[in-house]
Amino acid sequence: MREPGREGLAAGIVGVLTERGQTVAVAESLTGGLLGAAITAVPGASVVFRGGIIAYATELKAALLGVPSALLAAHGAVHPEVAAAMAAGARDRLGATFGVATTGVAGPDPAEGKQPGTLYIAVSSGSQSVTRDLALAGDRNDIRRDTVEQALSLLWSVLWEEDP
């Protein structure tokens, strides 16, 4: 199925999850709650949205989401495996069908030796984990907004790959 237009993506996701009796949870770092806000802005989202964990500080990714401390020590918080572990942690800890995660550098300054716009998103389901590496341009707000759009788009893709 085609991806809905930009404004309808969250609504499309809520609709599909509702129809299937499935749920979603989010783990956010650089987006600071914007991903959860995009989903919950849709009327009826309470049927499918389990909740979210905003683990902005690196140590909270381990404590709240179960990201292995060794992984964080070796690679830092801005890494594809960290995004995958965050998504799985949100799914498992919040009891959802799907977990979606965002981690990266929104700017304006580099972090962990990575430039603004360097980020990773992930979706975890019972059968797979899909991670995307992104390099986004713009100011801090552009990067955060575009990250939410990319995360919703990735979830949409996974929903249709797992069409029951």
N, C-alpha and C. Protein backbone atom coordinates (compact mmCIF):
# COMPACT_ATOMS: atom_id res chain seq x y z
N MET A 1 0.84 -1.18 0.00
CA MET A 1 0.00 0.00 0.00
C MET A 1 0.88 1.24 0.00
N ARG A 2 0.43 2.29 -0.71
CA ARG A 2 1.18 3.54 -0.76
C ARG A 2 1.19 4.24 0.58
N GLU A 3 2.31 4.90 0.84
CA GLU A 3 2.43 5.70 2.06
C GLU A 3 1.55 6.93 1.94
N PRO A 4 0.77 7.25 3.00
CA PRO A 4 -0.07 8.44 2.94
C PRO A 4 0.78 9.70 2.83
N GLY A 5 0.13 10.79 2.47
CA GLY A 5 0.82 12.07 2.44
C GLY A 5 1.38 12.43 3.79
N ARG A 6 2.26 13.39 3.80
CA ARG A 6 2.98 13.78 5.00
C ARG A 6 2.08 14.01 6.22
N GLU A 7 0.97 14.72 6.02
CA GLU A 7 0.09 15.03 7.14
C GLU A 7 -0.68 13.81 7.63
N GLY A 8 -0.93 12.87 6.73
CA GLY A 8 -1.75 11.72 7.08
C GLY A 8 -1.00 10.50 7.57
N LEU A 9 0.31 10.59 7.66
CA LEU A 9 1.09 9.40 8.01
C LEU A 9 0.76 8.88 9.40
N ALA A 10 0.76 9.73 10.39
CA ALA A 10 0.44 9.28 11.76
C ALA A 10 -0.99 8.75 11.81
N ALA A 11 -1.92 9.44 11.14
CA ALA A 11 -3.31 8.98 11.12
C ALA A 11 -3.43 7.62 10.45
N GLY A 12 -2.69 7.43 9.37
CA GLY A 12 -2.70 6.13 8.68
C GLY A 12 -2.18 5.02 9.57
N ILE A 13 -1.12 5.31 10.32
CA ILE A 13 -0.55 4.32 11.23
C ILE A 13 -1.55 3.98 12.32
N VAL A 14 -2.17 4.99 12.93
CA VAL A 14 -3.16 4.74 13.98
C VAL A 14 -4.31 3.91 13.41
N GLY A 15 -4.73 4.22 12.19
CA GLY A 15 -5.82 3.47 11.57
C GLY A 15 -5.47 2.01 11.35
N VAL A 16 -4.29 1.75 10.81
CA VAL A 16 -3.87 0.37 10.55
C VAL A 16 -3.72 -0.41 11.85
N LEU A 17 -3.06 0.20 12.84
CA LEU A 17 -2.88 -0.48 14.12
C LEU A 17 -4.23 -0.78 14.78
N THR A 18 -5.15 0.17 14.71
CA THR A 18 -6.48 -0.03 15.28
C THR A 18 -7.19 -1.20 14.60
N GLU A 19 -7.15 -1.20 13.28
CA GLU A 19 -7.80 -2.25 12.50
C GLU A 19 -7.23 -3.62 12.85
N ARG A 20 -5.94 -3.70 13.09
CA ARG A 20 -5.28 -4.97 13.37
C ARG A 20 -5.27 -5.34 14.85
N GLY A 21 -5.67 -4.44 15.71
CA GLY A 21 -5.60 -4.70 17.14
C GLY A 21 -4.17 -4.73 17.66
N GLN A 22 -3.30 -3.91 17.06
CA GLN A 22 -1.89 -3.86 17.45
C GLN A 22 -1.60 -2.53 18.14
N THR A 23 -0.41 -2.46 18.75
CA THR A 23 -0.03 -1.27 19.52
C THR A 23 1.40 -0.84 19.18
N VAL A 24 1.73 0.38 19.61
CA VAL A 24 3.06 0.94 19.39
C VAL A 24 3.52 1.68 20.63
N ALA A 25 4.82 1.66 20.86
CA ALA A 25 5.47 2.43 21.92
C ALA A 25 6.70 3.09 21.31
N VAL A 26 7.14 4.20 21.91
CA VAL A 26 8.29 4.91 21.37
C VAL A 26 9.38 5.09 22.42
N ALA A 27 10.62 5.14 21.93
CA ALA A 27 11.79 5.46 22.74
C ALA A 27 12.47 6.61 22.01
N GLU A 28 12.55 7.76 22.67
CA GLU A 28 13.05 8.94 22.00
C GLU A 28 14.25 9.54 22.72
N SER A 29 15.18 10.02 21.92
CA SER A 29 16.28 10.80 22.45
C SER A 29 16.21 12.18 21.81
N LEU A 30 16.81 12.38 20.66
CA LEU A 30 16.88 13.72 20.08
C LEU A 30 15.53 14.34 19.79
N THR A 31 14.49 13.54 19.60
CA THR A 31 13.17 14.09 19.29
C THR A 31 12.41 14.52 20.55
N GLY A 32 12.86 14.13 21.71
CA GLY A 32 12.36 14.64 22.98
C GLY A 32 10.85 14.60 23.18
N GLY A 33 10.17 13.64 22.61
CA GLY A 33 8.73 13.52 22.78
C GLY A 33 7.92 13.88 21.55
N LEU A 34 8.56 14.41 20.52
CA LEU A 34 7.84 14.82 19.32
C LEU A 34 7.21 13.65 18.58
N LEU A 35 7.87 12.49 18.60
CA LEU A 35 7.33 11.31 17.91
C LEU A 35 6.05 10.85 18.60
N GLY A 36 6.09 10.73 19.91
CA GLY A 36 4.89 10.36 20.65
C GLY A 36 3.79 11.39 20.45
N ALA A 37 4.16 12.67 20.43
CA ALA A 37 3.18 13.74 20.22
C ALA A 37 2.53 13.64 18.85
N ALA A 38 3.31 13.28 17.83
CA ALA A 38 2.76 13.16 16.47
C ALA A 38 1.71 12.04 16.41
N ILE A 39 1.99 10.96 17.10
CA ILE A 39 1.04 9.83 17.10
C ILE A 39 -0.20 10.17 17.92
N THR A 40 0.01 10.74 19.10
CA THR A 40 -1.12 11.02 19.98
C THR A 40 -1.95 12.23 19.54
N ALA A 41 -1.50 12.97 18.56
CA ALA A 41 -2.30 14.06 18.00
C ALA A 41 -3.47 13.53 17.19
N VAL A 42 -3.41 12.26 16.83
CA VAL A 42 -4.46 11.63 16.03
C VAL A 42 -5.60 11.19 16.95
N PRO A 43 -6.83 11.62 16.65
CA PRO A 43 -7.96 11.15 17.45
C PRO A 43 -8.04 9.62 17.40
N GLY A 44 -8.25 9.01 18.56
CA GLY A 44 -8.33 7.55 18.65
C GLY A 44 -7.00 6.89 18.92
N ALA A 45 -5.92 7.67 19.03
CA ALA A 45 -4.59 7.09 19.26
C ALA A 45 -4.51 6.33 20.57
N SER A 46 -5.35 6.66 21.52
CA SER A 46 -5.28 6.00 22.83
C SER A 46 -5.53 4.49 22.74
N VAL A 47 -6.17 4.05 21.67
CA VAL A 47 -6.42 2.63 21.47
C VAL A 47 -5.14 1.89 21.12
N VAL A 48 -4.18 2.57 20.48
CA VAL A 48 -2.99 1.88 19.97
C VAL A 48 -1.67 2.35 20.58
N PHE A 49 -1.65 3.54 21.17
CA PHE A 49 -0.38 4.07 21.69
C PHE A 49 -0.21 3.67 23.15
N ARG A 50 0.82 2.84 23.43
CA ARG A 50 1.07 2.35 24.78
C ARG A 50 1.78 3.38 25.64
N GLY A 51 2.69 4.14 25.04
CA GLY A 51 3.44 5.13 25.80
C GLY A 51 4.80 5.35 25.19
N GLY A 52 5.58 6.17 25.89
CA GLY A 52 6.91 6.48 25.39
C GLY A 52 7.88 6.72 26.52
N ILE A 53 9.14 6.51 26.20
CA ILE A 53 10.22 6.78 27.13
C ILE A 53 11.15 7.77 26.45
N ILE A 54 11.32 8.93 27.08
CA ILE A 54 12.27 9.92 26.57
C ILE A 54 13.55 9.74 27.37
N ALA A 55 14.49 9.03 26.77
CA ALA A 55 15.77 8.75 27.42
C ALA A 55 16.82 9.65 26.78
N TYR A 56 16.80 10.90 27.16
CA TYR A 56 17.71 11.89 26.56
C TYR A 56 19.14 11.65 27.03
N ALA A 57 19.32 11.38 28.32
CA ALA A 57 20.65 11.12 28.87
C ALA A 57 21.08 9.70 28.53
N THR A 58 22.33 9.54 28.19
CA THR A 58 22.85 8.24 27.76
C THR A 58 22.60 7.14 28.78
N GLU A 59 22.85 7.41 30.06
CA GLU A 59 22.69 6.36 31.06
C GLU A 59 21.24 5.90 31.20
N LEU A 60 20.28 6.75 30.83
CA LEU A 60 18.88 6.36 30.90
C LEU A 60 18.51 5.38 29.80
N LYS A 61 19.25 5.40 28.70
CA LYS A 61 19.01 4.42 27.65
C LYS A 61 19.26 3.00 28.18
N ALA A 62 20.25 2.86 29.04
CA ALA A 62 20.52 1.57 29.68
C ALA A 62 19.51 1.29 30.78
N ALA A 63 19.31 2.25 31.67
CA ALA A 63 18.47 2.03 32.85
C ALA A 63 17.00 1.83 32.50
N LEU A 64 16.47 2.60 31.56
CA LEU A 64 15.05 2.55 31.27
C LEU A 64 14.68 1.66 30.09
N LEU A 65 15.61 1.52 29.14
CA LEU A 65 15.29 0.78 27.92
C LEU A 65 16.07 -0.52 27.76
N GLY A 66 17.02 -0.76 28.65
CA GLY A 66 17.78 -2.00 28.57
C GLY A 66 18.86 -2.02 27.51
N VAL A 67 19.27 -0.86 27.02
CA VAL A 67 20.38 -0.83 26.06
C VAL A 67 21.62 -1.30 26.80
N PRO A 68 22.35 -2.27 26.27
CA PRO A 68 23.53 -2.77 26.97
C PRO A 68 24.55 -1.66 27.25
N SER A 69 24.98 -1.59 28.50
CA SER A 69 25.97 -0.58 28.89
C SER A 69 27.26 -0.72 28.09
N ALA A 70 27.65 -1.95 27.79
CA ALA A 70 28.86 -2.18 27.01
C ALA A 70 28.74 -1.59 25.61
N LEU A 71 27.55 -1.67 25.02
CA LEU A 71 27.31 -1.09 23.70
C LEU A 71 27.44 0.43 23.76
N LEU A 72 26.85 1.02 24.77
CA LEU A 72 26.95 2.47 24.94
C LEU A 72 28.39 2.91 25.20
N ALA A 73 29.11 2.13 25.99
CA ALA A 73 30.51 2.47 26.29
C ALA A 73 31.38 2.36 25.04
N ALA A 74 31.10 1.38 24.21
CA ALA A 74 31.92 1.15 23.02
C ALA A 74 31.61 2.13 21.89
N HIS A 75 30.35 2.49 21.73
CA HIS A 75 29.95 3.27 20.55
C HIS A 75 29.28 4.60 20.85
N GLY A 76 28.89 4.83 22.10
CA GLY A 76 28.13 6.03 22.42
C GLY A 76 26.66 5.82 22.10
N ALA A 77 25.88 6.85 22.32
CA ALA A 77 24.43 6.75 22.14
C ALA A 77 23.98 6.90 20.70
N VAL A 78 24.85 7.44 19.85
CA VAL A 78 24.48 7.69 18.46
C VAL A 78 25.07 6.58 17.60
N HIS A 79 24.30 5.48 17.52
CA HIS A 79 24.78 4.28 16.84
C HIS A 79 23.57 3.44 16.42
N PRO A 80 23.64 2.76 15.29
CA PRO A 80 22.48 1.98 14.84
C PRO A 80 22.06 0.87 15.80
N GLU A 81 23.02 0.21 16.43
CA GLU A 81 22.67 -0.86 17.37
C GLU A 81 21.98 -0.29 18.61
N VAL A 82 22.32 0.93 18.98
CA VAL A 82 21.66 1.58 20.11
C VAL A 82 20.20 1.88 19.74
N ALA A 83 19.97 2.37 18.53
CA ALA A 83 18.60 2.63 18.08
C ALA A 83 17.78 1.35 18.10
N ALA A 84 18.36 0.26 17.61
CA ALA A 84 17.64 -1.02 17.59
C ALA A 84 17.33 -1.49 19.01
N ALA A 85 18.28 -1.36 19.91
CA ALA A 85 18.06 -1.77 21.30
C ALA A 85 17.02 -0.89 21.98
N MET A 86 17.01 0.40 21.67
CA MET A 86 16.01 1.31 22.22
C MET A 86 14.61 0.91 21.76
N ALA A 87 14.47 0.61 20.47
CA ALA A 87 13.16 0.22 19.93
C ALA A 87 12.68 -1.07 20.57
N ALA A 88 13.56 -2.04 20.70
CA ALA A 88 13.20 -3.31 21.34
C ALA A 88 12.84 -3.09 22.81
N GLY A 89 13.59 -2.22 23.47
CA GLY A 89 13.31 -1.92 24.87
C GLY A 89 11.96 -1.28 25.06
N ALA A 90 11.60 -0.35 24.19
CA ALA A 90 10.28 0.28 24.29
C ALA A 90 9.18 -0.74 24.05
N ARG A 91 9.36 -1.57 23.04
CA ARG A 91 8.36 -2.60 22.73
C ARG A 91 8.18 -3.55 23.90
N ASP A 92 9.29 -4.06 24.43
CA ASP A 92 9.24 -5.03 25.52
C ASP A 92 8.74 -4.42 26.82
N ARG A 93 9.30 -3.30 27.20
CA ARG A 93 9.00 -2.72 28.51
C ARG A 93 7.62 -2.08 28.58
N LEU A 94 7.10 -1.65 27.43
CA LEU A 94 5.78 -1.03 27.44
C LEU A 94 4.70 -1.95 26.88
N GLY A 95 5.07 -3.18 26.56
CA GLY A 95 4.10 -4.18 26.14
C GLY A 95 3.40 -3.87 24.84
N ALA A 96 4.15 -3.44 23.83
CA ALA A 96 3.58 -3.05 22.54
C ALA A 96 3.93 -4.06 21.46
N THR A 97 3.17 -4.03 20.39
CA THR A 97 3.47 -4.86 19.21
C THR A 97 4.71 -4.33 18.50
N PHE A 98 4.83 -3.01 18.42
CA PHE A 98 5.95 -2.35 17.73
C PHE A 98 6.59 -1.33 18.65
N GLY A 99 7.91 -1.23 18.55
CA GLY A 99 8.66 -0.17 19.23
C GLY A 99 9.36 0.66 18.18
N VAL A 100 9.38 1.97 18.36
CA VAL A 100 10.03 2.88 17.42
C VAL A 100 11.01 3.74 18.22
N ALA A 101 12.22 3.91 17.70
CA ALA A 101 13.23 4.68 18.43
C ALA A 101 13.92 5.71 17.55
N THR A 102 14.37 6.78 18.22
CA THR A 102 15.16 7.83 17.57
C THR A 102 16.36 8.14 18.44
N THR A 103 17.54 8.23 17.83
CA THR A 103 18.74 8.67 18.54
C THR A 103 19.65 9.36 17.53
N GLY A 104 20.31 10.42 17.97
CA GLY A 104 21.19 11.13 17.05
C GLY A 104 21.57 12.49 17.57
N VAL A 105 22.06 13.32 16.66
CA VAL A 105 22.54 14.66 16.99
C VAL A 105 21.70 15.68 16.25
N ALA A 106 20.94 16.47 17.00
CA ALA A 106 20.10 17.51 16.39
C ALA A 106 20.87 18.81 16.20
N GLY A 107 21.94 18.99 16.96
CA GLY A 107 22.72 20.22 16.85
C GLY A 107 22.30 21.24 17.88
N PRO A 108 22.86 22.40 17.86
CA PRO A 108 23.65 22.94 16.76
C PRO A 108 25.11 22.46 16.74
N ASP A 109 25.57 21.86 17.84
CA ASP A 109 26.96 21.44 17.90
C ASP A 109 27.09 19.93 17.72
N PRO A 110 28.27 19.47 17.30
CA PRO A 110 28.51 18.03 17.23
C PRO A 110 28.41 17.40 18.63
N ALA A 111 28.15 16.10 18.66
CA ALA A 111 28.12 15.34 19.91
C ALA A 111 28.73 13.97 19.64
N GLU A 112 29.52 13.51 20.58
CA GLU A 112 30.19 12.21 20.44
C GLU A 112 30.99 12.12 19.14
N GLY A 113 31.51 13.25 18.69
CA GLY A 113 32.30 13.27 17.47
C GLY A 113 31.48 13.18 16.19
N LYS A 114 30.15 13.29 16.33
CA LYS A 114 29.28 13.19 15.16
C LYS A 114 28.63 14.54 14.88
N GLN A 115 28.46 14.82 13.62
CA GLN A 115 27.92 16.10 13.18
C GLN A 115 26.40 16.17 13.36
N PRO A 116 25.85 17.38 13.53
CA PRO A 116 24.40 17.52 13.56
C PRO A 116 23.78 16.92 12.29
N GLY A 117 22.67 16.26 12.48
CA GLY A 117 21.99 15.59 11.36
C GLY A 117 22.33 14.12 11.25
N THR A 118 23.31 13.66 12.04
CA THR A 118 23.66 12.24 12.08
C THR A 118 22.70 11.56 13.04
N LEU A 119 21.91 10.64 12.54
CA LEU A 119 20.96 9.99 13.44
C LEU A 119 20.57 8.62 12.95
N TYR A 120 19.94 7.88 13.85
CA TYR A 120 19.49 6.52 13.59
C TYR A 120 18.07 6.37 14.11
N ILE A 121 17.27 5.69 13.32
CA ILE A 121 15.91 5.37 13.74
C ILE A 121 15.76 3.86 13.62
N ALA A 122 14.85 3.30 14.40
CA ALA A 122 14.64 1.86 14.36
C ALA A 122 13.20 1.53 14.69
N VAL A 123 12.75 0.41 14.14
CA VAL A 123 11.46 -0.17 14.47
C VAL A 123 11.70 -1.62 14.85
N SER A 124 11.12 -2.02 15.97
CA SER A 124 11.23 -3.40 16.44
C SER A 124 9.85 -4.02 16.51
N SER A 125 9.74 -5.23 15.99
CA SER A 125 8.50 -6.00 16.11
C SER A 125 8.89 -7.37 16.65
N GLY A 126 7.94 -8.21 16.82
CA GLY A 126 8.25 -9.54 17.32
C GLY A 126 9.13 -10.34 16.39
N SER A 127 9.10 -10.03 15.10
CA SER A 127 9.85 -10.84 14.14
C SER A 127 11.07 -10.16 13.53
N GLN A 128 11.21 -8.86 13.71
CA GLN A 128 12.35 -8.19 13.08
C GLN A 128 12.68 -6.87 13.75
N SER A 129 13.89 -6.40 13.45
CA SER A 129 14.32 -5.06 13.84
C SER A 129 14.89 -4.42 12.59
N VAL A 130 14.38 -3.24 12.25
CA VAL A 130 14.82 -2.52 11.06
C VAL A 130 15.40 -1.19 11.51
N THR A 131 16.61 -0.90 11.07
CA THR A 131 17.29 0.33 11.45
C THR A 131 17.66 1.11 10.21
N ARG A 132 17.55 2.43 10.29
CA ARG A 132 17.96 3.29 9.20
C ARG A 132 18.95 4.31 9.70
N ASP A 133 20.01 4.52 8.92
CA ASP A 133 20.98 5.58 9.17
C ASP A 133 20.53 6.78 8.35
N LEU A 134 20.51 7.95 8.97
CA LEU A 134 20.08 9.14 8.27
C LEU A 134 21.11 10.25 8.43
N ALA A 135 21.21 11.07 7.41
CA ALA A 135 22.03 12.29 7.46
C ALA A 135 21.10 13.40 7.00
N LEU A 136 20.62 14.18 7.95
CA LEU A 136 19.65 15.23 7.65
C LEU A 136 20.31 16.60 7.72
N ALA A 137 19.77 17.52 6.96
CA ALA A 137 20.30 18.89 6.94
C ALA A 137 19.27 19.84 7.54
N GLY A 138 19.74 21.01 7.91
CA GLY A 138 18.86 22.03 8.43
C GLY A 138 19.25 22.40 9.85
N ASP A 139 18.41 23.24 10.45
CA ASP A 139 18.68 23.62 11.83
C ASP A 139 18.13 22.56 12.78
N ARG A 140 18.32 22.78 14.05
CA ARG A 140 17.91 21.82 15.08
C ARG A 140 16.43 21.42 14.94
N ASN A 141 15.56 22.41 14.75
CA ASN A 141 14.13 22.11 14.63
C ASN A 141 13.82 21.33 13.37
N ASP A 142 14.48 21.66 12.26
CA ASP A 142 14.28 20.92 11.01
C ASP A 142 14.68 19.46 11.20
N ILE A 143 15.83 19.24 11.82
CA ILE A 143 16.34 17.88 12.01
C ILE A 143 15.39 17.07 12.89
N ARG A 144 14.93 17.66 13.97
CA ARG A 144 14.02 16.94 14.87
C ARG A 144 12.69 16.62 14.17
N ARG A 145 12.14 17.59 13.45
CA ARG A 145 10.88 17.38 12.72
C ARG A 145 11.04 16.31 11.64
N ASP A 146 12.13 16.39 10.89
CA ASP A 146 12.36 15.43 9.82
C ASP A 146 12.63 14.02 10.37
N THR A 147 13.22 13.95 11.55
CA THR A 147 13.44 12.65 12.19
C THR A 147 12.11 11.98 12.52
N VAL A 148 11.17 12.76 13.03
CA VAL A 148 9.84 12.22 13.34
C VAL A 148 9.19 11.69 12.07
N GLU A 149 9.26 12.46 11.01
CA GLU A 149 8.66 12.04 9.73
C GLU A 149 9.31 10.75 9.23
N GLN A 150 10.63 10.68 9.31
CA GLN A 150 11.34 9.48 8.86
C GLN A 150 11.00 8.26 9.72
N ALA A 151 10.86 8.47 11.03
CA ALA A 151 10.51 7.36 11.93
C ALA A 151 9.10 6.86 11.64
N LEU A 152 8.16 7.76 11.41
CA LEU A 152 6.80 7.34 11.05
C LEU A 152 6.80 6.60 9.72
N SER A 153 7.57 7.08 8.77
CA SER A 153 7.67 6.43 7.47
C SER A 153 8.24 5.01 7.60
N LEU A 154 9.25 4.86 8.43
CA LEU A 154 9.83 3.53 8.64
C LEU A 154 8.80 2.60 9.29
N LEU A 155 8.08 3.09 10.28
CA LEU A 155 7.04 2.27 10.91
C LEU A 155 5.99 1.88 9.89
N TRP A 156 5.57 2.81 9.06
CA TRP A 156 4.59 2.52 8.01
C TRP A 156 5.08 1.37 7.13
N SER A 157 6.34 1.43 6.72
CA SER A 157 6.92 0.39 5.86
C SER A 157 6.90 -0.97 6.56
N VAL A 158 7.30 -1.00 7.82
CA VAL A 158 7.33 -2.25 8.57
C VAL A 158 5.91 -2.80 8.75
N LEU A 159 4.94 -1.93 8.99
CA LEU A 159 3.56 -2.38 9.12
C LEU A 159 3.10 -3.14 7.88
N TRP A 160 3.49 -2.68 6.71
CA TRP A 160 3.04 -3.33 5.49
C TRP A 160 3.88 -4.56 5.16
N GLU A 161 5.11 -4.62 5.63
CA GLU A 161 5.90 -5.84 5.47
C GLU A 161 5.32 -6.95 6.33
N GLU A 162 4.73 -6.57 7.46
CA GLU A 162 4.20 -7.55 8.41
C GLU A 162 2.69 -7.66 8.30
N ASP A 163 2.13 -7.31 7.16
CA ASP A 163 0.69 -7.38 6.95
C ASP A 163 0.21 -8.80 7.24
N PRO A 164 -0.63 -8.97 8.27
CA PRO A 164 -1.06 -10.32 8.62
C PRO A 164 -1.98 -10.96 7.59
